[in-house]
Amino acid sequence: MFNAFPAPVFDATSAAGGTGDFGDLPEWDLSDLYPAPDAPEFARDMEWLEKACADFASEYEGKLADLDAAGLLKCVQEYEAISTTGGRLMSFAGLRYYQNTVDAERAQFMQNAQEKVTVFTAPLVFYSLEINRIEDDKLDAMLAENTDLARYKPIFEQLRAMKPYQLSDELEKFLHDQSSVGASAWNKLFDETIAGLMFTVDGTEMNLESTLNLLTEQDRSKREAATRELARVFGENVKLFSRVHNTLAKEKAIEDQWRKMPTPQT
């Protein structure tokens, strides 16, 4: 396994230097994505993404409705390459962060990556909006004409499912730009708070995962002690948890209202 990164903390015993009751636990091998956060491949892909997004917008914005089947296929394949690279960058930053959410360096690395990818991909907001402005008959004809393009039919169907709920181009761009400081920021605050909580059960301090594991103990007294400690610590943080939950719910309600979605599950 790839061991270039510090191992995530799994339980209180291992954090103290021992192997713990779980023995040697597996670690994520992220080398298929990038060998390290400072790897030249990561920086190279970031630079490529910035240029590719700008070039894509320059070539296609305002023109999707006029493309023929071959032109739309080329457009979709270029967008796919951009999505793949952006996904690889954020998968590496995100998985590395979730290996150890209390590591400030990992959190900052993911935040920086997320901000860059959000900025770089902002010019691409037009893509899904213009795809949904193509008439159904025209798109169906192009899919029937070009078998390579027809492979992407499920993607078109997924995009067009949002057609009735699209906002104006300006509002969609605003929501895209705001995404890194909206719901994702609140989710990150919740994750970091949960990861940093410590619990004391029968005189032993442990993190959330180890405490939750006690709920499967055969000994009823251990299960009860763990449950009471979980309730105590969660109770001390209930104001923060409530703020996160209520803010996320209200944010979604506002966006749903603007999009005129009939239900929260739409």
Protein backbone atom coordinates (compact mmCIF):
# COMPACT_ATOMS: atom_id res chain seq x y z
CA MET A 1 0.00 0.00 0.00
CA PHE A 2 1.02 3.62 -0.55
CA ASN A 3 2.17 5.15 2.73
CA ALA A 4 3.34 8.64 1.79
CA PHE A 5 0.58 10.29 3.83
CA PRO A 6 0.20 10.26 7.63
CA ALA A 7 -2.19 7.54 8.67
CA PRO A 8 -5.69 8.66 9.69
CA VAL A 9 -6.67 8.33 13.32
CA PHE A 10 -9.07 5.41 13.75
CA ASP A 11 -9.26 4.94 17.51
CA ALA A 12 -7.96 6.31 20.75
CA THR A 13 -5.43 3.53 21.28
CA SER A 14 -3.77 3.97 17.92
CA ALA A 15 -3.67 7.72 18.47
CA ALA A 16 -1.64 7.04 21.58
CA GLY A 17 0.84 4.97 19.63
CA GLY A 18 -0.55 1.43 20.01
CA THR A 19 -2.12 -0.82 17.44
CA GLY A 20 -5.53 -0.84 19.10
CA ASP A 21 -8.13 -3.58 19.13
CA PHE A 22 -8.55 -3.38 15.37
CA GLY A 23 -4.95 -4.30 14.48
CA ASP A 24 -3.32 -2.88 11.37
CA LEU A 25 -6.08 -1.17 9.41
CA PRO A 26 -5.98 -0.57 5.65
CA GLU A 27 -5.13 2.83 4.22
CA TRP A 28 -6.43 4.38 1.02
CA ASP A 29 -3.95 4.22 -1.85
CA LEU A 30 -4.45 7.47 -3.76
CA SER A 31 -1.44 7.07 -6.03
CA ASP A 32 -3.67 6.12 -8.96
CA LEU A 33 -4.88 9.72 -8.80
CA TYR A 34 -1.69 11.60 -7.86
CA PRO A 35 1.45 10.47 -6.03
CA ALA A 36 1.46 13.42 -3.60
CA PRO A 37 -0.21 16.80 -3.02
CA ASP A 38 2.88 18.59 -4.31
CA ALA A 39 3.26 16.28 -7.31
CA PRO A 40 3.94 18.08 -10.60
CA GLU A 41 1.12 16.05 -12.15
CA PHE A 42 -1.39 17.73 -9.83
CA ALA A 43 -0.17 21.23 -10.70
CA ARG A 44 -0.05 20.31 -14.40
CA ASP A 45 -3.67 19.14 -14.40
CA MET A 46 -4.78 22.29 -12.57
CA GLU A 47 -3.10 24.42 -15.24
CA TRP A 48 -4.64 22.29 -17.99
CA LEU A 49 -8.09 22.58 -16.43
CA GLU A 50 -7.94 26.37 -16.30
CA LYS A 51 -6.98 26.65 -19.98
CA ALA A 52 -9.35 23.90 -21.13
CA CYS A 53 -12.35 25.56 -19.47
CA ALA A 54 -11.53 28.95 -20.98
CA ASP A 55 -10.97 27.45 -24.44
CA PHE A 56 -14.19 25.43 -24.22
CA ALA A 57 -16.26 28.48 -23.35
CA SER A 58 -14.62 30.51 -26.10
CA GLU A 59 -15.37 27.86 -28.71
CA TYR A 60 -18.89 26.80 -27.74
CA GLU A 61 -20.72 29.41 -25.66
CA GLY A 62 -23.80 30.61 -27.52
CA LYS A 63 -23.28 28.07 -30.30
CA LEU A 64 -24.60 24.71 -29.03
CA ALA A 65 -27.99 25.07 -30.72
CA ASP A 66 -26.29 25.42 -34.12
CA LEU A 67 -24.08 22.32 -33.87
CA ASP A 68 -24.70 19.27 -35.99
CA ALA A 69 -24.43 15.74 -34.59
CA ALA A 70 -20.67 15.51 -35.18
CA GLY A 71 -20.10 18.94 -33.67
CA LEU A 72 -22.19 18.15 -30.60
CA LEU A 73 -20.31 14.88 -30.13
CA LYS A 74 -16.98 16.74 -30.20
CA CYS A 75 -18.36 19.26 -27.69
CA VAL A 76 -19.60 16.54 -25.34
CA GLN A 77 -16.31 14.65 -25.49
CA GLU A 78 -14.32 17.79 -24.69
CA TYR A 79 -16.63 18.51 -21.76
CA GLU A 80 -16.21 14.91 -20.62
CA ALA A 81 -12.41 15.31 -20.60
CA ILE A 82 -12.74 18.48 -18.53
CA SER A 83 -15.10 16.77 -16.08
CA THR A 84 -12.78 13.78 -15.76
CA THR A 85 -9.76 15.93 -14.93
CA GLY A 86 -11.69 18.13 -12.52
CA GLY A 87 -13.13 15.04 -10.87
CA ARG A 88 -9.68 13.50 -10.48
CA LEU A 89 -8.31 16.66 -8.88
CA MET A 90 -11.18 16.96 -6.39
CA SER A 91 -11.28 13.22 -5.69
CA PHE A 92 -7.65 13.33 -4.64
CA ALA A 93 -8.06 16.46 -2.52
CA GLY A 94 -11.31 15.20 -0.99
CA LEU A 95 -10.25 11.63 -0.22
CA ARG A 96 -6.97 12.87 1.24
CA TYR A 97 -8.93 15.24 3.48
CA TYR A 98 -11.33 12.51 4.61
CA GLN A 99 -8.40 10.31 5.57
CA ASN A 100 -7.92 12.72 8.47
CA THR A 101 -10.43 15.54 8.74
CA VAL A 102 -8.71 17.09 11.76
CA ASP A 103 -5.52 17.76 9.76
CA ALA A 104 -5.48 21.51 9.03
CA GLU A 105 -3.08 21.13 6.10
CA ARG A 106 -5.35 18.62 4.36
CA ALA A 107 -8.38 20.83 4.96
CA GLN A 108 -6.58 23.84 3.50
CA PHE A 109 -5.36 21.81 0.52
CA MET A 110 -8.91 20.69 -0.28
CA GLN A 111 -10.30 24.19 0.19
CA ASN A 112 -7.70 25.67 -2.17
CA ALA A 113 -8.38 22.98 -4.77
CA GLN A 114 -12.13 23.47 -4.49
CA GLU A 115 -11.86 27.23 -4.90
CA LYS A 116 -9.65 26.90 -7.99
CA VAL A 117 -11.86 24.29 -9.64
CA THR A 118 -14.96 26.40 -8.91
CA VAL A 119 -13.36 29.47 -10.51
CA PHE A 120 -11.98 27.56 -13.49
CA THR A 121 -15.29 25.84 -14.26
CA ALA A 122 -17.45 28.95 -13.86
CA PRO A 123 -17.34 29.67 -17.63
CA LEU A 124 -18.91 26.24 -18.26
CA VAL A 125 -22.26 27.02 -16.64
CA PHE A 126 -23.66 27.78 -20.09
CA TYR A 127 -23.19 24.16 -21.18
CA SER A 128 -26.14 22.51 -19.43
CA LEU A 129 -28.32 25.60 -19.98
CA GLU A 130 -27.76 25.57 -23.74
CA ILE A 131 -28.09 21.79 -23.97
CA ASN A 132 -31.57 22.18 -22.51
CA ARG A 133 -32.47 24.86 -25.05
CA ILE A 134 -31.99 22.45 -27.95
CA GLU A 135 -35.39 21.36 -29.24
CA ASP A 136 -36.36 17.80 -28.39
CA ASP A 137 -36.94 16.82 -32.02
CA LYS A 138 -33.55 18.14 -33.09
CA LEU A 139 -31.70 16.37 -30.29
CA ASP A 140 -33.55 13.11 -30.93
CA ALA A 141 -32.65 13.32 -34.61
CA MET A 142 -28.97 13.86 -33.84
CA LEU A 143 -28.93 10.93 -31.42
CA ALA A 144 -30.51 8.73 -34.08
CA GLU A 145 -28.03 9.92 -36.69
CA ASN A 146 -24.82 9.44 -34.71
CA THR A 147 -24.33 6.22 -32.75
CA ASP A 148 -21.33 7.63 -30.88
CA LEU A 149 -23.41 10.58 -29.74
CA ALA A 150 -26.26 8.22 -28.79
CA ARG A 151 -23.97 6.67 -26.15
CA TYR A 152 -24.43 9.88 -24.17
CA LYS A 153 -28.24 9.75 -24.24
CA PRO A 154 -28.50 8.99 -20.48
CA ILE A 155 -26.42 12.12 -19.80
CA PHE A 156 -28.69 14.26 -21.95
CA GLU A 157 -31.75 12.81 -20.21
CA GLN A 158 -30.27 13.62 -16.81
CA LEU A 159 -29.48 17.19 -17.86
CA ARG A 160 -32.87 17.76 -19.43
CA ALA A 161 -34.67 16.53 -16.33
CA MET A 162 -33.67 19.88 -14.80
CA LYS A 163 -34.97 21.87 -17.77
CA PRO A 164 -38.24 22.95 -16.09
CA TYR A 165 -36.32 24.21 -13.06
CA GLN A 166 -33.51 26.18 -14.70
CA LEU A 167 -32.92 29.74 -13.59
CA SER A 168 -31.54 32.56 -15.69
CA ASP A 169 -27.95 32.31 -16.87
CA GLU A 170 -26.90 34.99 -14.39
CA LEU A 171 -28.51 33.26 -11.41
CA GLU A 172 -27.06 29.88 -12.38
CA LYS A 173 -23.60 31.43 -12.56
CA PHE A 174 -24.15 33.08 -9.18
CA LEU A 175 -25.09 29.74 -7.59
CA HIS A 176 -22.03 28.12 -9.13
CA ASP A 177 -19.69 30.81 -7.79
CA GLN A 178 -21.33 30.66 -4.35
CA SER A 179 -21.12 26.86 -4.11
CA SER A 180 -17.73 26.72 -2.37
CA VAL A 181 -18.96 28.95 0.48
CA GLY A 182 -22.53 27.70 0.65
CA ALA A 183 -23.71 24.22 1.56
CA SER A 184 -20.28 22.66 1.07
CA ALA A 185 -18.77 25.03 3.64
CA TRP A 186 -21.43 24.12 6.21
CA ASN A 187 -20.93 20.42 5.49
CA LYS A 188 -17.20 20.85 5.98
CA LEU A 189 -17.76 22.61 9.32
CA PHE A 190 -19.95 19.71 10.45
CA ASP A 191 -17.41 17.08 9.32
CA GLU A 192 -14.52 18.82 11.06
CA THR A 193 -16.54 19.29 14.26
CA ILE A 194 -17.60 15.64 14.34
CA ALA A 195 -14.06 14.46 13.63
CA GLY A 196 -12.68 16.54 16.50
CA LEU A 197 -15.12 15.35 19.17
CA MET A 198 -13.69 13.22 21.97
CA PHE A 199 -15.61 10.97 24.34
CA THR A 200 -14.68 9.49 27.71
CA VAL A 201 -16.12 6.05 28.43
CA ASP A 202 -15.06 4.22 31.61
CA GLY A 203 -12.09 6.55 31.97
CA THR A 204 -10.82 6.02 28.41
CA GLU A 205 -10.82 8.92 25.97
CA MET A 206 -11.69 7.99 22.39
CA ASN A 207 -13.00 9.49 19.17
CA LEU A 208 -16.43 9.07 17.62
CA GLU A 209 -15.70 5.91 15.63
CA SER A 210 -14.37 4.05 18.65
CA THR A 211 -17.29 5.20 20.81
CA LEU A 212 -19.85 4.12 18.23
CA ASN A 213 -18.13 0.74 18.05
CA LEU A 214 -18.97 0.22 21.73
CA LEU A 215 -22.66 0.22 20.81
CA THR A 216 -22.17 -3.29 19.40
CA GLU A 217 -20.56 -4.61 22.59
CA GLN A 218 -22.20 -7.67 24.15
CA ASP A 219 -21.81 -6.10 27.59
CA ARG A 220 -24.94 -4.03 28.19
CA SER A 221 -23.18 -1.73 30.67
CA LYS A 222 -20.59 -0.77 28.03
CA ARG A 223 -23.29 -0.05 25.48
CA GLU A 224 -25.15 2.10 28.01
CA ALA A 225 -22.01 4.00 29.03
CA ALA A 226 -21.17 4.72 25.39
CA THR A 227 -24.72 5.82 24.63
CA ARG A 228 -24.84 8.21 27.59
CA GLU A 229 -21.47 9.71 26.65
CA LEU A 230 -22.54 10.16 23.04
CA ALA A 231 -25.70 11.91 24.22
CA ARG A 232 -23.71 14.15 26.57
CA VAL A 233 -21.16 15.29 23.99
CA PHE A 234 -23.72 15.70 21.22
CA GLY A 235 -25.85 17.70 23.64
CA GLU A 236 -22.95 20.07 24.28
CA ASN A 237 -22.74 20.70 20.53
CA VAL A 238 -26.45 20.73 19.76
CA LYS A 239 -26.52 24.48 19.03
CA LEU A 240 -23.89 24.14 16.32
CA PHE A 241 -25.50 21.02 14.86
CA SER A 242 -28.88 22.76 14.82
CA ARG A 243 -27.43 25.82 13.10
CA VAL A 244 -25.82 23.69 10.39
CA HIS A 245 -28.98 21.64 9.84
CA ASN A 246 -31.34 24.62 9.81
CA THR A 247 -29.09 26.66 7.52
CA LEU A 248 -28.75 23.84 5.00
CA ALA A 249 -32.49 23.19 5.07
CA LYS A 250 -33.30 26.88 4.58
CA GLU A 251 -30.75 27.26 1.79
CA LYS A 252 -32.29 24.34 -0.08
CA ALA A 253 -35.80 25.65 0.51
CA ILE A 254 -34.86 29.04 -0.97
CA GLU A 255 -33.25 27.48 -4.05
CA ASP A 256 -36.20 25.11 -4.50
CA GLN A 257 -38.57 28.07 -4.31
CA TRP A 258 -36.64 29.99 -6.97
CA ARG A 259 -36.52 26.91 -9.20
CA LYS A 260 -40.25 26.29 -8.57
CA MET A 261 -39.61 22.69 -7.60
CA PRO A 262 -42.84 21.02 -6.46
CA THR A 263 -41.24 19.03 -3.62
CA PRO A 264 -37.88 18.94 -1.80
CA GLN A 265 -37.29 15.50 -3.34
CA THR A 266 -37.61 16.71 -6.95
